[in-house]
Amino acid sequence: MKVAIAKEGDSVSEHFGHCTEYAVFNIENLKIKSREILKSPGHEPGKLPVFLAGHKITHVLAGGMGPRAVDLFCENNIEVFLGIRGEIETVVKDFMAGKIAQGESSCTHGEEGHECGGH
């Protein structure tokens, strides 16, 4: 599996689409086989799910994203985990150990516009 984590410094970003890069981990037999940093191609509706699917990403971890983005990732066979916080190295180890559960998105897209916690 290939896991992409929205990155802000060494921590998980509050909003997947607004970060400038993604930490990508290739995981086999519960071990990290390789890691890389992918630069974001920019925040445009529908672009990131196709971009990451092209890099064979199977899972996405982020603080939050809008419901339409989640739907687009699902359409590209990418499983999404939201409400993730913490240092990236700890998060990926917790993910491999099965300690990461779905949470609430830290991002909301209400009728009055876009709101994300911590922005």
PDB file of N, CA and C in Angstrom:
ATOM      1  N   MET A   1       0.841  -1.178   0.000  1.00  0.00           N
ATOM      2  CA  MET A   1       0.000   0.000   0.000  1.00  0.00           C
ATOM      3  C   MET A   1       0.882   1.235   0.000  1.00  0.00           C
ATOM      4  N   LYS A   2       0.324   2.320  -0.522  1.00  0.00           N
ATOM      5  CA  LYS A   2       1.019   3.617  -0.528  1.00  0.00           C
ATOM      6  C   LYS A   2       0.142   4.627   0.189  1.00  0.00           C
ATOM      7  N   VAL A   3       0.722   5.240   1.209  1.00  0.00           N
ATOM      8  CA  VAL A   3      -0.009   6.170   2.056  1.00  0.00           C
ATOM      9  C   VAL A   3       0.524   7.581   1.834  1.00  0.00           C
ATOM     10  N   ALA A   4      -0.376   8.518   1.568  1.00  0.00           N
ATOM     11  CA  ALA A   4      -0.012   9.929   1.433  1.00  0.00           C
ATOM     12  C   ALA A   4      -0.552  10.689   2.638  1.00  0.00           C
ATOM     13  N   ILE A   5       0.329  11.455   3.269  1.00  0.00           N
ATOM     14  CA  ILE A   5      -0.065  12.249   4.432  1.00  0.00           C
ATOM     15  C   ILE A   5       0.134  13.722   4.105  1.00  0.00           C
ATOM     16  N   ALA A   6      -0.944  14.494   4.236  1.00  0.00           N
ATOM     17  CA  ALA A   6      -0.850  15.938   4.033  1.00  0.00           C
ATOM     18  C   ALA A   6       0.145  16.485   5.047  1.00  0.00           C
ATOM     19  N   LYS A   7       1.118  17.269   4.567  1.00  0.00           N
ATOM     20  CA  LYS A   7       2.264  17.648   5.379  1.00  0.00           C
ATOM     21  C   LYS A   7       2.343  19.153   5.582  1.00  0.00           C
ATOM     22  N   GLU A   8       2.580  19.539   6.828  1.00  0.00           N
ATOM     23  CA  GLU A   8       2.870  20.932   7.174  1.00  0.00           C
ATOM     24  C   GLU A   8       4.049  20.875   8.144  1.00  0.00           C
ATOM     25  N   GLY A   9       5.245  21.098   7.634  1.00  0.00           N
ATOM     26  CA  GLY A   9       6.443  20.885   8.444  1.00  0.00           C
ATOM     27  C   GLY A   9       6.600  19.390   8.694  1.00  0.00           C
ATOM     28  N   ASP A  10       6.750  19.025   9.963  1.00  0.00           N
ATOM     29  CA  ASP A  10       6.857  17.616  10.329  1.00  0.00           C
ATOM     30  C   ASP A  10       5.535  17.042  10.823  1.00  0.00           C
ATOM     31  N   SER A  11       4.470  17.829  10.724  1.00  0.00           N
ATOM     32  CA  SER A  11       3.164  17.421  11.245  1.00  0.00           C
ATOM     33  C   SER A  11       2.140  17.254  10.134  1.00  0.00           C
ATOM     34  N   VAL A  12       1.042  16.600  10.483  1.00  0.00           N
ATOM     35  CA  VAL A  12      -0.075  16.431   9.557  1.00  0.00           C
ATOM     36  C   VAL A  12      -0.766  17.774   9.381  1.00  0.00           C
ATOM     37  N   SER A  13      -1.047  18.124   8.129  1.00  0.00           N
ATOM     38  CA  SER A  13      -1.707  19.389   7.814  1.00  0.00           C
ATOM     39  C   SER A  13      -3.187  19.343   8.192  1.00  0.00           C
ATOM     40  N   GLU A  14      -3.702  20.492   8.602  1.00  0.00           N
ATOM     41  CA  GLU A  14      -5.126  20.607   8.930  1.00  0.00           C
ATOM     42  C   GLU A  14      -6.020  20.362   7.713  1.00  0.00           C
ATOM     43  N   HIS A  15      -5.564  20.755   6.527  1.00  0.00           N
ATOM     44  CA  HIS A  15      -6.403  20.632   5.328  1.00  0.00           C
ATOM     45  C   HIS A  15      -5.587  20.052   4.184  1.00  0.00           C
ATOM     46  N   PHE A  16      -6.020  18.911   3.699  1.00  0.00           N
ATOM     47  CA  PHE A  16      -5.291  18.179   2.679  1.00  0.00           C
ATOM     48  C   PHE A  16      -4.990  19.007   1.435  1.00  0.00           C
ATOM     49  N   GLY A  17      -5.970  19.707   0.926  1.00  0.00           N
ATOM     50  CA  GLY A  17      -5.804  20.430  -0.329  1.00  0.00           C
ATOM     51  C   GLY A  17      -4.970  21.692  -0.250  1.00  0.00           C
ATOM     52  N   HIS A  18      -4.718  22.182   0.947  1.00  0.00           N
ATOM     53  CA  HIS A  18      -3.993  23.451   1.085  1.00  0.00           C
ATOM     54  C   HIS A  18      -2.513  23.274   1.397  1.00  0.00           C
ATOM     55  N   CYS A  19      -2.075  22.040   1.648  1.00  0.00           N
ATOM     56  CA  CYS A  19      -0.651  21.854   1.944  1.00  0.00           C
ATOM     57  C   CYS A  19       0.154  21.897   0.646  1.00  0.00           C
ATOM     58  N   THR A  20       1.438  22.152   0.777  1.00  0.00           N
ATOM     59  CA  THR A  20       2.288  22.287  -0.414  1.00  0.00           C
ATOM     60  C   THR A  20       2.977  20.981  -0.797  1.00  0.00           C
ATOM     61  N   GLU A  21       2.962  20.011   0.125  1.00  0.00           N
ATOM     62  CA  GLU A  21       3.581  18.722  -0.186  1.00  0.00           C
ATOM     63  C   GLU A  21       2.968  17.611   0.650  1.00  0.00           C
ATOM     64  N   TYR A  22       3.234  16.382   0.219  1.00  0.00           N
ATOM     65  CA  TYR A  22       2.692  15.194   0.850  1.00  0.00           C
ATOM     66  C   TYR A  22       3.824  14.223   1.151  1.00  0.00           C
ATOM     67  N   ALA A  23       3.820  13.666   2.362  1.00  0.00           N
ATOM     68  CA  ALA A  23       4.766  12.602   2.702  1.00  0.00           C
ATOM     69  C   ALA A  23       4.135  11.302   2.226  1.00  0.00           C
ATOM     70  N   VAL A  24       4.860  10.568   1.388  1.00  0.00           N
ATOM     71  CA  VAL A  24       4.335   9.327   0.821  1.00  0.00           C
ATOM     72  C   VAL A  24       5.179   8.157   1.321  1.00  0.00           C
ATOM     73  N   PHE A  25       4.494   7.150   1.857  1.00  0.00           N
ATOM     74  CA  PHE A  25       5.154   5.966   2.389  1.00  0.00           C
ATOM     75  C   PHE A  25       4.687   4.737   1.627  1.00  0.00           C
ATOM     76  N   ASN A  26       5.632   3.956   1.117  1.00  0.00           N
ATOM     77  CA  ASN A  26       5.331   2.673   0.490  1.00  0.00           C
ATOM     78  C   ASN A  26       5.497   1.626   1.586  1.00  0.00           C
ATOM     79  N   ILE A  27       4.401   0.956   1.935  1.00  0.00           N
ATOM     80  CA  ILE A  27       4.403   0.025   3.059  1.00  0.00           C
ATOM     81  C   ILE A  27       4.138  -1.394   2.553  1.00  0.00           C
ATOM     82  N   GLU A  28       5.020  -2.312   2.931  1.00  0.00           N
ATOM     83  CA  GLU A  28       4.858  -3.730   2.603  1.00  0.00           C
ATOM     84  C   GLU A  28       5.118  -4.546   3.854  1.00  0.00           C
ATOM     85  N   ASN A  29       4.230  -5.489   4.133  1.00  0.00           N
ATOM     86  CA  ASN A  29       4.385  -6.358   5.309  1.00  0.00           C
ATOM     87  C   ASN A  29       4.608  -5.561   6.594  1.00  0.00           C
ATOM     88  N   LEU A  30       3.842  -4.483   6.733  1.00  0.00           N
ATOM     89  CA  LEU A  30       3.885  -3.611   7.905  1.00  0.00           C
ATOM     90  C   LEU A  30       5.247  -2.980   8.154  1.00  0.00           C
ATOM     91  N   LYS A  31       6.006  -2.796   7.078  1.00  0.00           N
ATOM     92  CA  LYS A  31       7.297  -2.111   7.158  1.00  0.00           C
ATOM     93  C   LYS A  31       7.348  -1.029   6.082  1.00  0.00           C
ATOM     94  N   ILE A  32       7.989   0.085   6.394  1.00  0.00           N
ATOM     95  CA  ILE A  32       8.161   1.159   5.415  1.00  0.00           C
ATOM     96  C   ILE A  32       9.285   0.742   4.472  1.00  0.00           C
ATOM     97  N   LYS A  33       8.941   0.523   3.202  1.00  0.00           N
ATOM     98  CA  LYS A  33       9.931   0.119   2.198  1.00  0.00           C
ATOM     99  C   LYS A  33      10.596   1.325   1.549  1.00  0.00           C
ATOM    100  N   SER A  34       9.835   2.414   1.422  1.00  0.00           N
ATOM    101  CA  SER A  34      10.401   3.640   0.865  1.00  0.00           C
ATOM    102  C   SER A  34       9.530   4.813   1.286  1.00  0.00           C
ATOM    103  N   ARG A  35      10.124   5.995   1.185  1.00  0.00           N
ATOM    104  CA  ARG A  35       9.379   7.223   1.479  1.00  0.00           C
ATOM    105  C   ARG A  35       9.836   8.296   0.508  1.00  0.00           C
ATOM    106  N   GLU A  36       8.936   9.199   0.211  1.00  0.00           N
ATOM    107  CA  GLU A  36       9.257  10.305  -0.683  1.00  0.00           C
ATOM    108  C   GLU A  36       8.368  11.488  -0.345  1.00  0.00           C
ATOM    109  N   ILE A  37       8.733  12.631  -0.849  1.00  0.00           N
ATOM    110  CA  ILE A  37       7.921  13.833  -0.708  1.00  0.00           C
ATOM    111  C   ILE A  37       7.400  14.194  -2.088  1.00  0.00           C
ATOM    112  N   LEU A  38       6.079  14.325  -2.195  1.00  0.00           N
ATOM    113  CA  LEU A  38       5.460  14.767  -3.451  1.00  0.00           C
ATOM    114  C   LEU A  38       5.043  16.223  -3.299  1.00  0.00           C
ATOM    115  N   LYS A  39       5.421  17.050  -4.236  1.00  0.00           N
ATOM    116  CA  LYS A  39       4.978  18.445  -4.256  1.00  0.00           C
ATOM    117  C   LYS A  39       3.539  18.486  -4.769  1.00  0.00           C
ATOM    118  N   SER A  40       2.737  19.311  -4.168  1.00  0.00           N
ATOM    119  CA  SER A  40       1.353  19.455  -4.593  1.00  0.00           C
ATOM    120  C   SER A  40       1.288  20.115  -5.969  1.00  0.00           C
ATOM    121  N   PRO A  41       0.406  19.627  -6.839  1.00  0.00           N
ATOM    122  CA  PRO A  41       0.238  20.268  -8.141  1.00  0.00           C
ATOM    123  C   PRO A  41      -0.650  21.514  -8.060  1.00  0.00           C
ATOM    124  N   GLY A  42      -1.104  21.838  -6.853  1.00  0.00           N
ATOM    125  CA  GLY A  42      -1.979  23.002  -6.675  1.00  0.00           C
ATOM    126  C   GLY A  42      -3.373  22.570  -6.275  1.00  0.00           C
ATOM    127  N   HIS A  43      -4.090  23.480  -5.678  1.00  0.00           N
ATOM    128  CA  HIS A  43      -5.424  23.190  -5.166  1.00  0.00           C
ATOM    129  C   HIS A  43      -6.472  23.601  -6.189  1.00  0.00           C
ATOM    130  N   GLU A  44      -6.944  22.633  -6.941  1.00  0.00           N
ATOM    131  CA  GLU A  44      -8.041  22.829  -7.897  1.00  0.00           C
ATOM    132  C   GLU A  44      -9.035  21.712  -7.682  1.00  0.00           C
ATOM    133  N   PRO A  45     -10.318  21.992  -7.731  1.00  0.00           N
ATOM    134  CA  PRO A  45     -11.308  20.943  -7.515  1.00  0.00           C
ATOM    135  C   PRO A  45     -11.081  19.734  -8.439  1.00  0.00           C
ATOM    136  N   GLY A  46     -10.996  18.562  -7.815  1.00  0.00           N
ATOM    137  CA  GLY A  46     -10.858  17.314  -8.563  1.00  0.00           C
ATOM    138  C   GLY A  46      -9.450  16.939  -8.993  1.00  0.00           C
ATOM    139  N   LYS A  47      -8.487  17.830  -8.853  1.00  0.00           N
ATOM    140  CA  LYS A  47      -7.128  17.578  -9.353  1.00  0.00           C
ATOM    141  C   LYS A  47      -6.326  16.613  -8.468  1.00  0.00           C
ATOM    142  N   LEU A  48      -6.383  16.798  -7.146  1.00  0.00           N
ATOM    143  CA  LEU A  48      -5.550  16.002  -6.243  1.00  0.00           C
ATOM    144  C   LEU A  48      -5.884  14.508  -6.241  1.00  0.00           C
ATOM    145  N   PRO A  49      -7.157  14.107  -6.248  1.00  0.00           N
ATOM    146  CA  PRO A  49      -7.429  12.667  -6.287  1.00  0.00           C
ATOM    147  C   PRO A  49      -6.845  11.980  -7.524  1.00  0.00           C
ATOM    148  N   VAL A  50      -6.955  12.611  -8.671  1.00  0.00           N
ATOM    149  CA  VAL A  50      -6.410  12.039  -9.912  1.00  0.00           C
ATOM    150  C   VAL A  50      -4.883  12.031  -9.862  1.00  0.00           C
ATOM    151  N   PHE A  51      -4.295  13.119  -9.369  1.00  0.00           N
ATOM    152  CA  PHE A  51      -2.843  13.220  -9.238  1.00  0.00           C
ATOM    153  C   PHE A  51      -2.294  12.103  -8.349  1.00  0.00           C
ATOM    154  N   LEU A  52      -2.906  11.912  -7.179  1.00  0.00           N
ATOM    155  CA  LEU A  52      -2.413  10.887  -6.254  1.00  0.00           C
ATOM    156  C   LEU A  52      -2.715   9.473  -6.749  1.00  0.00           C
ATOM    157  N   ALA A  53      -3.838   9.284  -7.412  1.00  0.00           N
ATOM    158  CA  ALA A  53      -4.124   7.969  -8.004  1.00  0.00           C
ATOM    159  C   ALA A  53      -3.058   7.626  -9.041  1.00  0.00           C
ATOM    160  N   GLY A  54      -2.591   8.620  -9.783  1.00  0.00           N
ATOM    161  CA  GLY A  54      -1.528   8.420 -10.760  1.00  0.00           C
ATOM    162  C   GLY A  54      -0.210   8.002 -10.135  1.00  0.00           C
ATOM    163  N   HIS A  55      -0.055   8.310  -8.835  1.00  0.00           N
ATOM    164  CA  HIS A  55       1.136   7.897  -8.085  1.00  0.00           C
ATOM    165  C   HIS A  55       0.877   6.617  -7.292  1.00  0.00           C
ATOM    166  N   LYS A  56      -0.236   5.955  -7.599  1.00  0.00           N
ATOM    167  CA  LYS A  56      -0.621   4.683  -6.986  1.00  0.00           C
ATOM    168  C   LYS A  56      -0.843   4.764  -5.470  1.00  0.00           C
ATOM    169  N   ILE A  57      -1.327   5.905  -5.005  1.00  0.00           N
ATOM    170  CA  ILE A  57      -1.660   6.076  -3.593  1.00  0.00           C
ATOM    171  C   ILE A  57      -2.923   5.270  -3.294  1.00  0.00           C
ATOM    172  N   THR A  58      -2.915   4.542  -2.164  1.00  0.00           N
ATOM    173  CA  THR A  58      -4.075   3.739  -1.774  1.00  0.00           C
ATOM    174  C   THR A  58      -4.805   4.311  -0.564  1.00  0.00           C
ATOM    175  N   HIS A  59      -4.101   5.121   0.260  1.00  0.00           N
ATOM    176  CA  HIS A  59      -4.670   5.695   1.468  1.00  0.00           C
ATOM    177  C   HIS A  59      -4.197   7.137   1.628  1.00  0.00           C
ATOM    178  N   VAL A  60      -5.092   7.989   2.126  1.00  0.00           N
ATOM    179  CA  VAL A  60      -4.777   9.384   2.391  1.00  0.00           C
ATOM    180  C   VAL A  60      -5.114   9.669   3.850  1.00  0.00           C
ATOM    181  N   LEU A  61      -4.186  10.322   4.543  1.00  0.00           N
ATOM    182  CA  LEU A  61      -4.408  10.727   5.925  1.00  0.00           C
ATOM    183  C   LEU A  61      -4.269  12.236   6.005  1.00  0.00           C
ATOM    184  N   ALA A  62      -5.238  12.887   6.655  1.00  0.00           N
ATOM    185  CA  ALA A  62      -5.219  14.348   6.754  1.00  0.00           C
ATOM    186  C   ALA A  62      -6.058  14.798   7.936  1.00  0.00           C
ATOM    187  N   GLY A  63      -5.830  16.039   8.328  1.00  0.00           N
ATOM    188  CA  GLY A  63      -6.676  16.632   9.355  1.00  0.00           C
ATOM    189  C   GLY A  63      -8.095  16.770   8.842  1.00  0.00           C
ATOM    190  N   GLY A  64      -8.220  17.284   7.622  1.00  0.00           N
ATOM    191  CA  GLY A  64      -9.548  17.470   7.069  1.00  0.00           C
ATOM    192  C   GLY A  64      -9.552  17.734   5.587  1.00  0.00           C
ATOM    193  N   MET A  65     -10.731  17.582   5.025  1.00  0.00           N
ATOM    194  CA  MET A  65     -11.014  17.927   3.627  1.00  0.00           C
ATOM    195  C   MET A  65     -12.526  17.950   3.474  1.00  0.00           C
ATOM    196  N   GLY A  66     -12.987  18.563   2.422  1.00  0.00           N
ATOM    197  CA  GLY A  66     -14.418  18.662   2.188  1.00  0.00           C
ATOM    198  C   GLY A  66     -15.023  17.345   1.728  1.00  0.00           C
ATOM    199  N   PRO A  67     -16.343  17.218   1.881  1.00  0.00           N
ATOM    200  CA  PRO A  67     -17.010  15.967   1.517  1.00  0.00           C
ATOM    201  C   PRO A  67     -16.908  15.623   0.030  1.00  0.00           C
ATOM    202  N   ARG A  68     -16.892  16.600  -0.830  1.00  0.00           N
ATOM    203  CA  ARG A  68     -16.762  16.325  -2.273  1.00  0.00           C
ATOM    204  C   ARG A  68     -15.388  15.742  -2.569  1.00  0.00           C
ATOM    205  N   ALA A  69     -14.346  16.247  -1.914  1.00  0.00           N
ATOM    206  CA  ALA A  69     -13.000  15.700  -2.097  1.00  0.00           C
ATOM    207  C   ALA A  69     -12.955  14.250  -1.647  1.00  0.00           C
ATOM    208  N   VAL A  70     -13.586  13.942  -0.511  1.00  0.00           N
ATOM    209  CA  VAL A  70     -13.629  12.553  -0.032  1.00  0.00           C
ATOM    210  C   VAL A  70     -14.278  11.666  -1.087  1.00  0.00           C
ATOM    211  N   ASP A  71     -15.400  12.126  -1.650  1.00  0.00           N
ATOM    212  CA  ASP A  71     -16.086  11.354  -2.698  1.00  0.00           C
ATOM    213  C   ASP A  71     -15.166  11.120  -3.896  1.00  0.00           C
ATOM    214  N   LEU A  72     -14.426  12.139  -4.302  1.00  0.00           N
ATOM    215  CA  LEU A  72     -13.529  11.994  -5.453  1.00  0.00           C
ATOM    216  C   LEU A  72     -12.389  11.023  -5.172  1.00  0.00           C
ATOM    217  N   PHE A  73     -11.873  11.033  -3.949  1.00  0.00           N
ATOM    218  CA  PHE A  73     -10.841  10.053  -3.602  1.00  0.00           C
ATOM    219  C   PHE A  73     -11.419   8.641  -3.656  1.00  0.00           C
ATOM    220  N   CYS A  74     -12.617   8.470  -3.131  1.00  0.00           N
ATOM    221  CA  CYS A  74     -13.265   7.150  -3.165  1.00  0.00           C
ATOM    222  C   CYS A  74     -13.480   6.682  -4.605  1.00  0.00           C
ATOM    223  N   GLU A  75     -13.872   7.587  -5.481  1.00  0.00           N
ATOM    224  CA  GLU A  75     -14.056   7.240  -6.892  1.00  0.00           C
ATOM    225  C   GLU A  75     -12.743   6.798  -7.542  1.00  0.00           C
ATOM    226  N   ASN A  76     -11.611   7.222  -6.965  1.00  0.00           N
ATOM    227  CA  ASN A  76     -10.285   6.845  -7.465  1.00  0.00           C
ATOM    228  C   ASN A  76      -9.670   5.709  -6.643  1.00  0.00           C
ATOM    229  N   ASN A  77     -10.524   4.994  -5.878  1.00  0.00           N
ATOM    230  CA  ASN A  77     -10.102   3.846  -5.067  1.00  0.00           C
ATOM    231  C   ASN A  77      -9.029   4.192  -4.042  1.00  0.00           C
ATOM    232  N   ILE A  78      -9.154   5.369  -3.435  1.00  0.00           N
ATOM    233  CA  ILE A  78      -8.239   5.803  -2.383  1.00  0.00           C
ATOM    234  C   ILE A  78      -9.052   5.962  -1.104  1.00  0.00           C
ATOM    235  N   GLU A  79      -8.639   5.233  -0.057  1.00  0.00           N
ATOM    236  CA  GLU A  79      -9.323   5.300   1.229  1.00  0.00           C
ATOM    237  C   GLU A  79      -8.843   6.532   1.996  1.00  0.00           C
ATOM    238  N   VAL A  80      -9.779   7.257   2.606  1.00  0.00           N
ATOM    239  CA  VAL A  80      -9.471   8.515   3.279  1.00  0.00           C
ATOM    240  C   VAL A  80      -9.676   8.385   4.786  1.00  0.00           C
ATOM    241  N   PHE A  81      -8.699   8.863   5.553  1.00  0.00           N
ATOM    242  CA  PHE A  81      -8.790   8.935   7.009  1.00  0.00           C
ATOM    243  C   PHE A  81      -8.656  10.401   7.403  1.00  0.00           C
ATOM    244  N   LEU A  82      -9.676  10.931   8.084  1.00  0.00           N
ATOM    245  CA  LEU A  82      -9.690  12.339   8.479  1.00  0.00           C
ATOM    246  C   LEU A  82      -9.607  12.477   9.992  1.00  0.00           C
ATOM    247  N   GLY A  83      -9.370  13.687  10.432  1.00  0.00           N
ATOM    248  CA  GLY A  83      -9.263  13.957  11.857  1.00  0.00           C
ATOM    249  C   GLY A  83      -7.917  13.539  12.418  1.00  0.00           C
ATOM    250  N   ILE A  84      -6.935  13.382  11.537  1.00  0.00           N
ATOM    251  CA  ILE A  84      -5.605  12.928  11.945  1.00  0.00           C
ATOM    252  C   ILE A  84      -4.766  14.132  12.355  1.00  0.00           C
ATOM    253  N   ARG A  85      -4.101  13.999  13.484  1.00  0.00           N
ATOM    254  CA  ARG A  85      -3.227  15.060  13.980  1.00  0.00           C
ATOM    255  C   ARG A  85      -1.953  14.429  14.507  1.00  0.00           C
ATOM    256  N   GLY A  86      -0.900  15.213  14.504  1.00  0.00           N
ATOM    257  CA  GLY A  86       0.330  14.756  15.118  1.00  0.00           C
ATOM    258  C   GLY A  86       1.513  14.797  14.181  1.00  0.00           C
ATOM    259  N   GLU A  87       2.615  14.287  14.683  1.00  0.00           N
ATOM    260  CA  GLU A  87       3.872  14.245  13.942  1.00  0.00           C
ATOM    261  C   GLU A  87       3.796  13.099  12.927  1.00  0.00           C
ATOM    262  N   ILE A  88       4.223  13.358  11.702  1.00  0.00           N
ATOM    263  CA  ILE A  88       4.051  12.418  10.588  1.00  0.00           C
ATOM    264  C   ILE A  88       4.652  11.044  10.880  1.00  0.00           C
ATOM    265  N   GLU A  89       5.865  10.991  11.408  1.00  0.00           N
ATOM    266  CA  GLU A  89       6.505   9.688  11.672  1.00  0.00           C
ATOM    267  C   GLU A  89       5.685   8.869  12.675  1.00  0.00           C
ATOM    268  N   THR A  90       5.141   9.519  13.683  1.00  0.00           N
ATOM    269  CA  THR A  90       4.302   8.829  14.669  1.00  0.00           C
ATOM    270  C   THR A  90       3.006   8.366  14.032  1.00  0.00           C
ATOM    271  N   VAL A  91       2.396   9.219  13.220  1.00  0.00           N
ATOM    272  CA  VAL A  91       1.134   8.890  12.565  1.00  0.00           C
ATOM    273  C   VAL A  91       1.285   7.682  11.645  1.00  0.00           C
ATOM    274  N   VAL A  92       2.344   7.626  10.843  1.00  0.00           N
ATOM    275  CA  VAL A  92       2.500   6.495   9.927  1.00  0.00           C
ATOM    276  C   VAL A  92       2.745   5.201  10.703  1.00  0.00           C
ATOM    277  N   LYS A  93       3.486   5.259  11.805  1.00  0.00           N
ATOM    278  CA  LYS A  93       3.694   4.064  12.633  1.00  0.00           C
ATOM    279  C   LYS A  93       2.380   3.616  13.266  1.00  0.00           C
ATOM    280  N   ASP A  94       1.587   4.567  13.757  1.00  0.00           N
ATOM    281  CA  ASP A  94       0.283   4.237  14.324  1.00  0.00           C
ATOM    282  C   ASP A  94      -0.633   3.642  13.256  1.00  0.00           C
ATOM    283  N   PHE A  95      -0.569   4.164  12.038  1.00  0.00           N
ATOM    284  CA  PHE A  95      -1.381   3.640  10.939  1.00  0.00           C
ATOM    285  C   PHE A  95      -1.017   2.180  10.667  1.00  0.00           C
ATOM    286  N   MET A  96       0.285   1.889  10.596  1.00  0.00           N
ATOM    287  CA  MET A  96       0.727   0.516  10.335  1.00  0.00           C
ATOM    288  C   MET A  96       0.316  -0.431  11.466  1.00  0.00           C
ATOM    289  N   ALA A  97       0.241   0.093  12.689  1.00  0.00           N
ATOM    290  CA  ALA A  97      -0.132  -0.720  13.844  1.00  0.00           C
ATOM    291  C   ALA A  97      -1.650  -0.851  14.008  1.00  0.00           C
ATOM    292  N   GLY A  98      -2.411  -0.218  13.099  1.00  0.00           N
ATOM    293  CA  GLY A  98      -3.866  -0.292  13.176  1.00  0.00           C
ATOM    294  C   GLY A  98      -4.466   0.604  14.241  1.00  0.00           C
ATOM    295  N   LYS A  99      -3.728   1.608  14.675  1.00  0.00           N
ATOM    296  CA  LYS A  99      -4.191   2.504  15.735  1.00  0.00           C
ATOM    297  C   LYS A  99      -4.876   3.762  15.211  1.00  0.00           C
ATOM    298  N   ILE A 100      -4.945   3.915  13.900  1.00  0.00           N
ATOM    299  CA  ILE A 100      -5.577   5.099  13.312  1.00  0.00           C
ATOM    300  C   ILE A 100      -7.032   4.764  12.983  1.00  0.00           C
ATOM    301  N   ALA A 101      -7.940   5.541  13.557  1.00  0.00           N
ATOM    302  CA  ALA A 101      -9.365   5.358  13.295  1.00  0.00           C
ATOM    303  C   ALA A 101      -9.902   6.621  12.629  1.00  0.00           C
ATOM    304  N   GLN A 102     -11.014   6.459  11.945  1.00  0.00           N
ATOM    305  CA  GLN A 102     -11.656   7.618  11.338  1.00  0.00           C
ATOM    306  C   GLN A 102     -12.041   8.602  12.418  1.00  0.00           C
ATOM    307  N   GLY A 103     -11.847   9.864  12.132  1.00  0.00           N
ATOM    308  CA  GLY A 103     -12.241  10.921  13.052  1.00  0.00           C
ATOM    309  C   GLY A 103     -13.057  11.953  12.307  1.00  0.00           C
ATOM    310  N   GLU A 104     -13.328  13.028  12.984  1.00  0.00           N
ATOM    311  CA  GLU A 104     -14.046  14.141  12.381  1.00  0.00           C
ATOM    312  C   GLU A 104     -13.076  14.997  11.592  1.00  0.00           C
ATOM    313  N   SER A 105     -13.501  15.440  10.445  1.00  0.00           N
ATOM    314  CA  SER A 105     -12.686  16.347   9.651  1.00  0.00           C
ATOM    315  C   SER A 105     -12.498  17.649  10.411  1.00  0.00           C
ATOM    316  N   SER A 106     -11.276  18.166  10.394  1.00  0.00           N
ATOM    317  CA  SER A 106     -11.024  19.461  11.023  1.00  0.00           C
ATOM    318  C   SER A 106     -11.443  20.595  10.103  1.00  0.00           C
ATOM    319  N   CYS A 107     -11.979  20.250   8.957  1.00  0.00           N
ATOM    320  CA  CYS A 107     -12.349  21.225   7.939  1.00  0.00           C
ATOM    321  C   CYS A 107     -13.844  21.124   7.670  1.00  0.00           C
ATOM    322  N   THR A 108     -14.510  22.278   7.568  1.00  0.00           N
ATOM    323  CA  THR A 108     -15.915  22.276   7.188  1.00  0.00           C
ATOM    324  C   THR A 108     -16.105  23.193   5.993  1.00  0.00           C
ATOM    325  N   HIS A 109     -17.042  22.836   5.177  1.00  0.00           N
ATOM    326  CA  HIS A 109     -17.372  23.639   3.996  1.00  0.00           C
ATOM    327  C   HIS A 109     -18.858  23.960   4.089  1.00  0.00           C
ATOM    328  N   GLY A 110     -19.183  24.989   4.839  1.00  0.00           N
ATOM    329  CA  GLY A 110     -20.578  25.348   5.049  1.00  0.00           C
ATOM    330  C   GLY A 110     -21.100  26.253   3.953  1.00  0.00           C
ATOM    331  N   GLU A 111     -22.364  26.648   4.113  1.00  0.00           N
ATOM    332  CA  GLU A 111     -22.998  27.519   3.130  1.00  0.00           C
ATOM    333  C   GLU A 111     -22.320  28.883   3.062  1.00  0.00           C
ATOM    334  N   GLU A 112     -21.696  29.294   4.163  1.00  0.00           N
ATOM    335  CA  GLU A 112     -21.061  30.609   4.177  1.00  0.00           C
ATOM    336  C   GLU A 112     -19.616  30.565   3.710  1.00  0.00           C
ATOM    337  N   GLY A 113     -19.193  29.436   3.207  1.00  0.00           N
ATOM    338  CA  GLY A 113     -17.838  29.358   2.697  1.00  0.00           C
ATOM    339  C   GLY A 113     -17.003  28.300   3.394  1.00  0.00           C
ATOM    340  N   HIS A 114     -15.726  28.409   3.214  1.00  0.00           N
ATOM    341  CA  HIS A 114     -14.772  27.410   3.666  1.00  0.00           C
ATOM    342  C   HIS A 114     -14.198  27.782   5.025  1.00  0.00           C
ATOM    343  N   GLU A 115     -14.245  26.833   5.959  1.00  0.00           N
ATOM    344  CA  GLU A 115     -13.648  27.067   7.261  1.00  0.00           C
ATOM    345  C   GLU A 115     -12.819  25.873   7.663  1.00  0.00           C
ATOM    346  N   CYS A 116     -11.623  26.089   8.147  1.00  0.00           N
ATOM    347  CA  CYS A 116     -10.772  25.030   8.668  1.00  0.00           C
ATOM    348  C   CYS A 116     -10.234  25.456  10.017  1.00  0.00           C
ATOM    349  N   GLY A 117     -10.246  24.530  10.957  1.00  0.00           N
ATOM    350  CA  GLY A 117      -9.676  24.812  12.262  1.00  0.00           C
ATOM    351  C   GLY A 117      -8.191  25.090  12.134  1.00  0.00           C
ATOM    352  N   GLY A 118      -7.713  26.050  12.878  1.00  0.00           N
ATOM    353  CA  GLY A 118      -6.298  26.342  12.906  1.00  0.00           C
ATOM    354  C   GLY A 118      -5.780  27.203  11.765  1.00  0.00           C
ATOM    355  N   HIS A 119      -6.641  27.705  10.888  1.00  0.00           N
ATOM    356  CA  HIS A 119      -6.172  28.544   9.765  1.00  0.00           C
ATOM    357  C   HIS A 119      -6.315  29.998  10.151  1.00  0.00           C
TER     358      HIS A 119
END
